[in-house]
Amino acid sequence: MLHSNLSVNNAGHLVIGSSDVVELAIKYGTPLYIVDEDRIRENCRKYKDAIAKFLAPGSAVLYAGKALCYTGVYKIMVQEGLCADIVSAGELYTALRAGFPAEKMYFHGNSKPDDEIEYAIDVGVGHFVVDSLEELEKIDQYAGRKKTKQKIFLRLTPDIDTHTHRKISTGVLDCKFGTPIVTGQAEELVRTTLQKKNILLDGLHCHVGSQIFSEEPYLQCAEVMVDFIADIYRKIGWLPAYLDMGGGFGVRYTENDPEVNYEKMIENIGATLSALCSDRGIPIPALLLEPGRSIVGDAGITVYRVTGVKEIPHCNNYVAIDGGMTDNPRYTLYGAKYTMLLANKAKKIADYKCAVAGRCCESGDLLGEDVAIQHPVKGDLLAVLTTGAYNYSMASNYNRIPRPAMVAVCGGEDHLAVRRESYEDLLAMDTL
């Protein structure tokens, strides 16, 4: 199996954790998101253990909630002792409702609305990760009115190309995120920030992209950031207590994707950072990392009911399902590849080539093409693996389709984490 928390039982059914996927689909209906809470906790602990072992005191792991955001996952993060990377007032509100402490949150984003900035300061958010001069001015102004001193990081652009898909590359010079270093604008922003009366600048942030399998971009980024810190220190005597290098560690969606040893990557990043700081004669900052996908990605699967099979001579075979781009837009957006199989026929040979067709009125509503699964018939259950990240969080109601339920499994037990939307939910905001 693609991941160690997946297996096949004696009935030939796919199992996630210790739970039979077929039984869950019968109990809760389809489409259905399934999340393995034990796997999420295991992934959290891998990061925490590696950070404690290889990084400077004060280093921490921030869960990037944009990957999967619902109250249940934040309750897990509280119990596992993680901080949180949030990107909207909605994520902030969700985390607060789950009992997540505001002071352990870091508010990211390149275009924070003024009202969300005010809300975050009002509830005591720990840090803003500031993306622009305009945002800095707004935080300083409102913090002054509240008679508080707001802690922030500055997000800088290191101009590192990770060679991933351009839509998930965030560290290049020409990018909507951050303030560039090479243009001199980052230095100017640091100087401006240090003059603000209602701001405490105690860290710098950078992020190079997502689905990264090599440590090389992180090592390059560490060198750029340490050089910048050393240069700023020589010029004005300021040092950051924290360096946040973002997230982006890759996960396996197919057998062709490499396995990532996150502990080894963190060890090498830590060693490189230490050597660079020693060489430049500056203290080693505490390092923050922001994994999201690599904490929840392999903890999730989605199961669909096959609604029909269409075979066109000399063309594609189309396997139609009762979900699609509304619950997983990633293939439509950027051709993301997945491993798929029939959950009720998991022991059989996967030798049927097909395109998996969603139910939306769009020819582009596909979950994959040239996919090999077991021979399908109407009523079979199609499982798509590694859907814990950026599936539920990116879901929509296009074509007025209700979003699926999410069930969480833990130690062979299951419970409803997010109920299925009803038709009444679709009309809840309508005023006529």
Protein backbone atom coordinates (compact mmCIF):
# COMPACT_ATOMS: atom_id res chain seq x y z
CA MET A 1 0.00 0.00 0.00
CA LEU A 2 1.03 3.61 -0.64
CA HIS A 3 1.03 4.48 3.09
CA SER A 4 1.55 2.36 6.19
CA ASN A 5 -1.85 3.26 7.69
CA LEU A 6 -3.61 1.60 4.73
CA SER A 7 -4.15 -2.14 4.31
CA VAL A 8 -6.53 -4.76 2.92
CA ASN A 9 -8.54 -7.07 5.19
CA ASN A 10 -9.70 -10.66 4.70
CA ALA A 11 -12.87 -9.49 2.99
CA GLY A 12 -10.75 -7.77 0.35
CA HIS A 13 -11.77 -4.33 1.57
CA LEU A 14 -9.54 -1.30 1.91
CA VAL A 15 -8.76 -0.44 5.55
CA ILE A 16 -7.61 2.94 6.88
CA GLY A 17 -6.11 2.73 10.35
CA SER A 18 -8.18 -0.15 11.72
CA SER A 19 -11.46 0.81 10.00
CA ASP A 20 -13.08 -0.90 7.01
CA VAL A 21 -13.67 1.73 4.32
CA VAL A 22 -16.61 -0.15 2.81
CA GLU A 23 -18.38 -0.29 6.17
CA LEU A 24 -17.78 3.42 6.70
CA ALA A 25 -19.23 4.23 3.27
CA ILE A 26 -22.34 2.18 4.02
CA LYS A 27 -22.74 3.82 7.44
CA TYR A 28 -22.13 7.46 6.44
CA GLY A 29 -22.87 7.54 2.70
CA THR A 30 -20.80 8.84 -0.20
CA PRO A 31 -18.94 10.91 -1.18
CA LEU A 32 -17.14 10.68 2.13
CA TYR A 33 -13.93 12.15 3.47
CA ILE A 34 -12.20 9.84 5.94
CA VAL A 35 -9.46 11.13 8.25
CA ASP A 36 -7.17 8.91 10.32
CA GLU A 37 -6.59 10.83 13.56
CA ASP A 38 -3.92 8.38 14.75
CA ARG A 39 -1.91 9.14 11.60
CA ILE A 40 -2.24 12.90 12.16
CA ARG A 41 -0.90 12.52 15.70
CA GLU A 42 1.94 10.30 14.49
CA ASN A 43 2.96 12.92 11.91
CA CYS A 44 2.78 15.74 14.49
CA ARG A 45 5.08 13.82 16.83
CA LYS A 46 7.62 13.13 14.10
CA TYR A 47 7.99 16.85 13.53
CA LYS A 48 8.07 17.74 17.21
CA ASP A 49 10.68 15.08 17.99
CA ALA A 50 12.93 16.14 15.10
CA ILE A 51 12.70 19.82 16.00
CA ALA A 52 13.52 19.12 19.64
CA LYS A 53 16.50 16.99 18.60
CA PHE A 54 18.10 19.06 15.84
CA LEU A 55 17.09 22.72 16.14
CA ALA A 56 17.88 25.59 18.50
CA PRO A 57 15.88 26.12 21.72
CA GLY A 58 12.59 27.88 21.08
CA SER A 59 12.12 26.23 17.69
CA ALA A 60 8.58 25.04 17.01
CA VAL A 61 6.21 23.47 14.52
CA LEU A 62 3.22 25.44 13.24
CA TYR A 63 0.35 23.48 11.73
CA ALA A 64 -0.71 25.13 8.45
CA GLY A 65 -4.48 24.99 8.77
CA LYS A 66 -5.16 25.89 5.14
CA ALA A 67 -4.42 22.25 4.34
CA LEU A 68 -7.32 20.99 6.48
CA CYS A 69 -9.38 23.25 8.70
CA TYR A 70 -12.18 22.09 10.99
CA THR A 71 -12.57 22.23 14.76
CA GLY A 72 -11.53 18.61 15.28
CA VAL A 73 -8.09 19.03 13.75
CA TYR A 74 -7.34 22.05 15.96
CA LYS A 75 -8.33 20.05 19.03
CA ILE A 76 -5.69 17.52 18.00
CA MET A 77 -3.11 20.29 17.56
CA VAL A 78 -3.84 21.61 21.05
CA GLN A 79 -3.34 18.13 22.51
CA GLU A 80 -0.14 17.57 20.51
CA GLY A 81 1.31 20.95 21.55
CA LEU A 82 1.68 22.57 18.12
CA CYS A 83 1.34 26.22 17.19
CA ALA A 84 -0.86 27.26 14.25
CA ASP A 85 -0.35 29.03 10.92
CA ILE A 86 -3.64 30.74 9.99
CA VAL A 87 -4.46 32.76 6.86
CA SER A 88 -7.90 34.23 7.51
CA ALA A 89 -10.28 35.33 10.25
CA GLY A 90 -12.34 32.24 9.39
CA GLU A 91 -9.44 29.94 10.24
CA LEU A 92 -8.76 32.02 13.34
CA TYR A 93 -12.39 31.74 14.46
CA THR A 94 -12.41 27.98 13.83
CA ALA A 95 -9.25 27.49 15.89
CA LEU A 96 -10.61 29.62 18.74
CA ARG A 97 -13.85 27.64 18.80
CA ALA A 98 -11.75 24.48 19.17
CA GLY A 99 -9.98 25.94 22.21
CA PHE A 100 -6.73 26.76 20.43
CA PRO A 101 -4.89 29.59 22.24
CA ALA A 102 -4.72 32.81 20.19
CA GLU A 103 -1.22 33.59 21.42
CA LYS A 104 0.09 30.47 19.64
CA MET A 105 -1.28 31.56 16.26
CA TYR A 106 0.65 33.19 13.43
CA PHE A 107 -1.55 35.16 11.03
CA HIS A 108 -0.26 34.89 7.43
CA GLY A 109 -1.55 36.16 4.11
CA ASN A 110 -0.67 38.73 1.47
CA SER A 111 -3.95 40.65 1.55
CA LYS A 112 -5.41 40.75 5.04
CA PRO A 113 -8.56 42.91 5.17
CA ASP A 114 -8.51 45.71 7.75
CA ASP A 115 -11.41 44.24 9.71
CA GLU A 116 -9.62 40.87 10.00
CA ILE A 117 -6.47 42.59 11.27
CA GLU A 118 -8.53 44.37 13.92
CA TYR A 119 -10.33 41.16 14.91
CA ALA A 120 -7.04 39.29 15.27
CA ILE A 121 -5.55 42.00 17.49
CA ASP A 122 -8.74 42.12 19.55
CA VAL A 123 -8.57 38.39 20.35
CA GLY A 124 -4.83 38.49 21.09
CA VAL A 125 -3.28 36.70 18.12
CA GLY A 126 0.37 35.91 18.86
CA HIS A 127 2.08 37.12 15.68
CA PHE A 128 1.24 38.64 12.35
CA VAL A 129 3.41 37.58 9.43
CA VAL A 130 3.44 40.94 7.65
CA ASP A 131 3.47 40.91 3.87
CA SER A 132 3.58 44.60 2.95
CA LEU A 133 4.18 48.14 4.14
CA GLU A 134 0.45 48.87 4.00
CA GLU A 135 -0.29 45.98 6.33
CA LEU A 136 2.46 47.10 8.69
CA GLU A 137 0.97 50.59 8.86
CA LYS A 138 -2.51 49.23 9.62
CA ILE A 139 -1.26 46.96 12.43
CA ASP A 140 0.78 49.76 13.98
CA GLN A 141 -2.18 52.15 13.81
CA TYR A 142 -4.72 49.76 15.33
CA ALA A 143 -2.33 48.39 17.97
CA GLY A 144 -1.72 51.99 19.03
CA ARG A 145 -5.44 52.58 19.43
CA LYS A 146 -5.68 49.41 21.54
CA LYS A 147 -2.62 50.48 23.57
CA THR A 148 -0.81 47.23 22.87
CA LYS A 149 2.47 46.25 21.22
CA GLN A 150 1.86 43.68 18.50
CA LYS A 151 4.50 41.06 17.72
CA ILE A 152 5.20 40.44 14.04
CA PHE A 153 7.43 38.67 11.53
CA LEU A 154 8.22 40.14 8.13
CA ARG A 155 7.68 37.87 5.14
CA LEU A 156 10.60 38.17 2.73
CA THR A 157 11.05 36.73 -0.75
CA PRO A 158 14.35 34.82 -1.06
CA ASP A 159 14.15 34.34 -4.87
CA ILE A 160 14.46 30.53 -4.72
CA ASP A 161 12.95 28.43 -7.54
CA THR A 162 11.79 25.03 -6.26
CA HIS A 163 10.85 23.80 -9.77
CA THR A 164 7.44 22.63 -8.57
CA HIS A 165 4.21 23.64 -10.31
CA ARG A 166 4.20 27.41 -10.83
CA LYS A 167 0.89 27.72 -8.94
CA ILE A 168 2.47 26.38 -5.73
CA SER A 169 5.84 28.10 -6.05
CA THR A 170 5.96 31.01 -3.61
CA GLY A 171 9.60 32.01 -3.17
CA VAL A 172 10.54 33.43 -6.57
CA LEU A 173 11.13 37.14 -7.12
CA ASP A 174 8.03 37.73 -9.25
CA CYS A 175 5.45 36.54 -6.73
CA LYS A 176 2.48 38.06 -4.93
CA PHE A 177 3.90 37.03 -1.55
CA GLY A 178 6.47 38.85 0.55
CA THR A 179 8.99 41.64 0.13
CA PRO A 180 12.04 40.92 -2.09
CA ILE A 181 15.53 40.85 -0.62
CA VAL A 182 17.54 41.37 -3.82
CA THR A 183 15.82 44.68 -4.66
CA GLY A 184 16.73 46.25 -1.33
CA GLN A 185 13.06 46.56 -0.35
CA ALA A 186 13.37 44.02 2.48
CA GLU A 187 16.10 46.03 4.19
CA GLU A 188 14.03 49.18 3.84
CA LEU A 189 11.01 47.44 5.37
CA VAL A 190 13.05 46.18 8.34
CA ARG A 191 14.32 49.71 9.01
CA THR A 192 10.80 51.13 8.79
CA THR A 193 9.38 48.45 11.07
CA LEU A 194 11.94 49.03 13.80
CA GLN A 195 10.80 52.65 14.00
CA LYS A 196 7.17 51.73 14.75
CA LYS A 197 6.13 52.39 18.34
CA ASN A 198 3.39 49.76 18.50
CA ILE A 199 5.25 46.92 16.77
CA LEU A 200 7.71 44.34 18.08
CA LEU A 201 9.67 42.78 15.22
CA ASP A 202 11.10 39.52 16.51
CA GLY A 203 11.32 37.32 13.42
CA LEU A 204 11.67 36.93 9.66
CA HIS A 205 9.64 34.60 7.47
CA CYS A 206 10.12 33.01 4.07
CA HIS A 207 8.41 30.23 2.16
CA VAL A 208 9.63 28.71 -1.08
CA GLY A 209 6.73 26.53 -2.23
CA SER A 210 4.87 23.24 -1.82
CA GLN A 211 5.33 19.56 -2.68
CA ILE A 212 9.11 19.76 -2.27
CA PHE A 213 10.92 16.43 -2.05
CA SER A 214 14.50 17.71 -1.94
CA GLU A 215 16.11 19.55 0.95
CA GLU A 216 18.20 21.64 -1.46
CA PRO A 217 15.72 24.56 -1.78
CA TYR A 218 15.60 24.85 2.03
CA LEU A 219 19.40 24.88 2.28
CA GLN A 220 19.62 27.56 -0.42
CA CYS A 221 16.94 29.55 1.38
CA ALA A 222 18.76 29.24 4.70
CA GLU A 223 21.89 30.73 3.12
CA VAL A 224 19.98 33.66 1.61
CA MET A 225 18.20 34.42 4.88
CA VAL A 226 21.32 34.10 7.07
CA ASP A 227 23.24 36.38 4.70
CA PHE A 228 20.44 38.92 4.95
CA ILE A 229 20.34 38.69 8.74
CA ALA A 230 24.12 39.09 9.00
CA ASP A 231 24.04 42.08 6.67
CA ILE A 232 21.26 43.78 8.64
CA TYR A 233 23.08 43.08 11.91
CA ARG A 234 26.27 44.73 10.62
CA LYS A 235 24.34 47.76 9.40
CA ILE A 236 21.89 48.47 12.23
CA GLY A 237 22.60 45.96 15.01
CA TRP A 238 19.24 44.15 14.86
CA LEU A 239 18.89 40.35 15.10
CA PRO A 240 15.72 38.27 14.80
CA ALA A 241 14.93 35.85 17.59
CA TYR A 242 13.10 33.61 15.09
CA LEU A 243 13.51 32.51 11.50
CA ASP A 244 10.39 30.93 9.99
CA MET A 245 11.20 28.93 6.85
CA GLY A 246 7.62 27.96 6.05
CA GLY A 247 6.47 24.48 5.08
CA GLY A 248 6.18 22.70 1.77
CA PHE A 249 7.53 19.22 2.50
CA GLY A 250 6.14 16.83 -0.11
CA VAL A 251 3.91 13.80 0.38
CA ARG A 252 3.44 10.70 -1.77
CA TYR A 253 0.37 10.76 -3.98
CA THR A 254 1.56 7.90 -6.22
CA GLU A 255 4.21 5.18 -6.16
CA ASN A 256 6.31 7.40 -8.45
CA ASP A 257 6.70 10.03 -5.74
CA PRO A 258 9.78 9.61 -3.53
CA GLU A 259 9.48 8.86 0.16
CA VAL A 260 10.57 11.78 2.32
CA ASN A 261 12.53 11.36 5.54
CA TYR A 262 11.31 14.49 7.32
CA GLU A 263 13.55 13.90 10.32
CA LYS A 264 16.65 13.74 8.11
CA MET A 265 15.62 16.86 6.22
CA ILE A 266 15.14 18.78 9.48
CA GLU A 267 18.49 17.52 10.76
CA ASN A 268 20.26 18.76 7.63
CA ILE A 269 18.45 22.10 7.67
CA GLY A 270 19.40 22.57 11.31
CA ALA A 271 23.04 21.66 10.70
CA THR A 272 23.26 23.98 7.70
CA LEU A 273 21.67 26.85 9.61
CA SER A 274 24.07 26.35 12.50
CA ALA A 275 27.12 26.29 10.22
CA LEU A 276 25.98 29.37 8.30
CA CYS A 277 25.37 31.38 11.46
CA SER A 278 28.72 30.35 12.90
CA ASP A 279 30.49 31.34 9.70
CA ARG A 280 28.75 34.76 9.62
CA GLY A 281 29.32 35.34 13.33
CA ILE A 282 25.68 35.65 14.40
CA PRO A 283 23.56 33.70 16.92
CA ILE A 284 21.43 30.82 15.66
CA PRO A 285 17.78 31.89 15.61
CA ALA A 286 15.03 29.57 16.76
CA LEU A 287 13.60 27.95 13.64
CA LEU A 288 9.89 27.64 12.91
CA LEU A 289 8.46 25.24 10.32
CA GLU A 290 4.90 25.22 8.97
CA PRO A 291 3.90 21.74 7.76
CA GLY A 292 0.31 21.27 6.68
CA ARG A 293 0.09 18.82 3.79
CA SER A 294 2.73 16.52 5.32
CA ILE A 295 0.78 16.32 8.60
CA VAL A 296 -2.69 15.59 7.21
CA GLY A 297 -2.20 14.56 3.56
CA ASP A 298 -1.60 10.84 4.01
CA ALA A 299 -4.07 10.72 6.91
CA GLY A 300 -7.02 11.17 4.56
CA ILE A 301 -8.83 9.34 1.78
CA THR A 302 -12.06 10.04 -0.08
CA VAL A 303 -14.54 7.33 -1.08
CA TYR A 304 -17.11 7.64 -3.87
CA ARG A 305 -19.87 5.46 -5.29
CA VAL A 306 -19.44 4.46 -8.94
CA THR A 307 -22.56 5.64 -10.78
CA GLY A 308 -21.74 4.21 -14.20
CA VAL A 309 -19.09 3.04 -16.65
CA LYS A 310 -18.87 4.37 -20.21
CA GLU A 311 -16.55 2.63 -22.68
CA ILE A 312 -15.89 4.44 -25.97
CA PRO A 313 -14.13 2.28 -28.63
CA HIS A 314 -10.62 3.55 -29.46
CA CYS A 315 -11.03 6.27 -26.83
CA ASN A 316 -11.23 6.51 -23.06
CA ASN A 317 -13.12 4.40 -20.58
CA TYR A 318 -14.96 6.75 -18.22
CA VAL A 319 -15.80 5.71 -14.68
CA ALA A 320 -18.41 8.11 -13.32
CA ILE A 321 -18.63 8.84 -9.59
CA ASP A 322 -21.00 10.72 -7.27
CA GLY A 323 -18.44 13.45 -6.49
CA GLY A 324 -15.82 15.36 -8.42
CA MET A 325 -14.24 18.79 -8.66
CA THR A 326 -16.54 20.19 -5.97
CA ASP A 327 -14.92 18.00 -3.32
CA ASN A 328 -11.48 17.71 -4.98
CA PRO A 329 -10.55 20.46 -7.46
CA ARG A 330 -6.82 19.72 -7.54
CA TYR A 331 -6.72 17.70 -10.77
CA THR A 332 -8.82 20.31 -12.55
CA LEU A 333 -6.65 23.14 -11.20
CA TYR A 334 -3.18 21.76 -11.84
CA GLY A 335 -3.27 18.14 -12.94
CA ALA A 336 -2.55 16.67 -9.50
CA LYS A 337 -2.08 12.91 -9.69
CA TYR A 338 -3.61 10.43 -7.23
CA THR A 339 -3.58 6.72 -6.46
CA MET A 340 -7.05 5.20 -6.76
CA LEU A 341 -8.56 1.76 -6.20
CA LEU A 342 -11.92 0.11 -5.64
CA ALA A 343 -12.31 -0.18 -1.87
CA ASN A 344 -14.61 -3.19 -2.13
CA LYS A 345 -12.28 -5.02 -4.57
CA ALA A 346 -8.91 -4.00 -3.14
CA LYS A 347 -7.42 -7.52 -3.43
CA LYS A 348 -8.12 -7.80 -7.15
CA ILE A 349 -5.71 -6.79 -9.89
CA ALA A 350 -5.85 -3.14 -10.89
CA ASP A 351 -5.66 -3.54 -14.68
CA TYR A 352 -8.57 -1.42 -15.88
CA LYS A 353 -7.39 1.86 -17.47
CA CYS A 354 -9.83 4.73 -17.30
CA ALA A 355 -10.53 8.38 -16.67
CA VAL A 356 -12.43 9.07 -13.45
CA ALA A 357 -15.25 11.47 -14.26
CA GLY A 358 -16.93 13.73 -11.76
CA ARG A 359 -20.60 14.67 -11.74
CA CYS A 360 -20.28 18.41 -12.48
CA CYS A 361 -21.51 19.89 -15.75
CA GLU A 362 -17.94 20.54 -16.91
CA SER A 363 -15.92 18.46 -19.37
CA GLY A 364 -12.88 19.25 -17.22
CA ASP A 365 -14.41 17.70 -14.11
CA LEU A 366 -12.07 14.73 -13.82
CA LEU A 367 -10.17 13.30 -10.85
CA GLY A 368 -7.61 11.60 -13.07
CA GLU A 369 -6.86 10.17 -16.50
CA ASP A 370 -5.04 7.00 -17.49
CA VAL A 371 -5.76 5.62 -14.02
CA ALA A 372 -5.44 1.89 -13.33
CA ILE A 373 -8.10 0.43 -11.02
CA GLN A 374 -9.88 -2.89 -10.54
CA HIS A 375 -12.63 -3.64 -13.10
CA PRO A 376 -15.56 -1.41 -12.10
CA VAL A 377 -19.32 -1.75 -12.20
CA LYS A 378 -22.06 0.53 -10.98
CA GLY A 379 -22.24 0.51 -7.18
CA ASP A 380 -18.55 -0.13 -6.55
CA LEU A 381 -16.73 2.14 -4.11
CA LEU A 382 -13.82 4.13 -5.52
CA ALA A 383 -11.22 5.28 -2.98
CA VAL A 384 -8.86 8.15 -3.76
CA LEU A 385 -5.79 8.09 -1.50
CA THR A 386 -3.85 10.97 0.10
CA THR A 387 -6.74 13.44 0.14
CA GLY A 388 -6.29 14.72 3.70
CA ALA A 389 -4.86 18.02 2.45
CA TYR A 390 -6.47 20.58 0.13
CA ASN A 391 -9.62 18.57 -0.60
CA TYR A 392 -12.15 19.42 2.11
CA SER A 393 -10.50 22.82 2.56
CA MET A 394 -10.90 23.66 -1.16
CA ALA A 395 -14.36 22.16 -1.61
CA SER A 396 -17.16 24.21 -3.16
CA ASN A 397 -20.88 24.12 -3.90
CA TYR A 398 -20.54 24.49 -7.65
CA ASN A 399 -23.67 23.22 -9.44
CA ARG A 400 -25.35 23.58 -6.02
CA ILE A 401 -23.84 20.29 -4.87
CA PRO A 402 -23.68 19.84 -1.07
CA ARG A 403 -20.23 19.23 0.37
CA PRO A 404 -19.52 15.71 1.70
CA ALA A 405 -19.38 14.57 5.30
CA MET A 406 -16.09 13.88 7.04
CA VAL A 407 -15.66 10.96 9.39
CA ALA A 408 -12.68 10.58 11.72
CA VAL A 409 -11.28 7.17 12.67
CA CYS A 410 -9.15 6.42 15.70
CA GLY A 411 -8.16 3.01 17.07
CA GLY A 412 -10.87 1.23 15.11
CA GLU A 413 -13.59 3.62 16.30
CA ASP A 414 -15.27 6.21 14.10
CA HIS A 415 -17.19 9.43 14.66
CA LEU A 416 -18.67 12.16 12.51
CA ALA A 417 -16.28 15.10 12.34
CA VAL A 418 -18.18 17.26 9.82
CA ARG A 419 -21.78 16.49 8.89
CA ARG A 420 -22.90 16.29 5.27
CA GLU A 421 -24.39 19.50 3.94
CA SER A 422 -28.13 19.47 3.27
CA TYR A 423 -30.10 21.26 0.57
CA GLU A 424 -31.32 23.60 3.29
CA ASP A 425 -27.68 24.48 4.04
CA LEU A 426 -27.30 25.52 0.41
CA LEU A 427 -30.12 28.05 0.88
CA ALA A 428 -29.10 29.26 4.34
CA MET A 429 -27.59 32.51 3.02
CA ASP A 430 -30.26 33.27 0.44
CA THR A 431 -32.47 36.23 1.41
CA LEU A 432 -35.45 35.61 -0.89
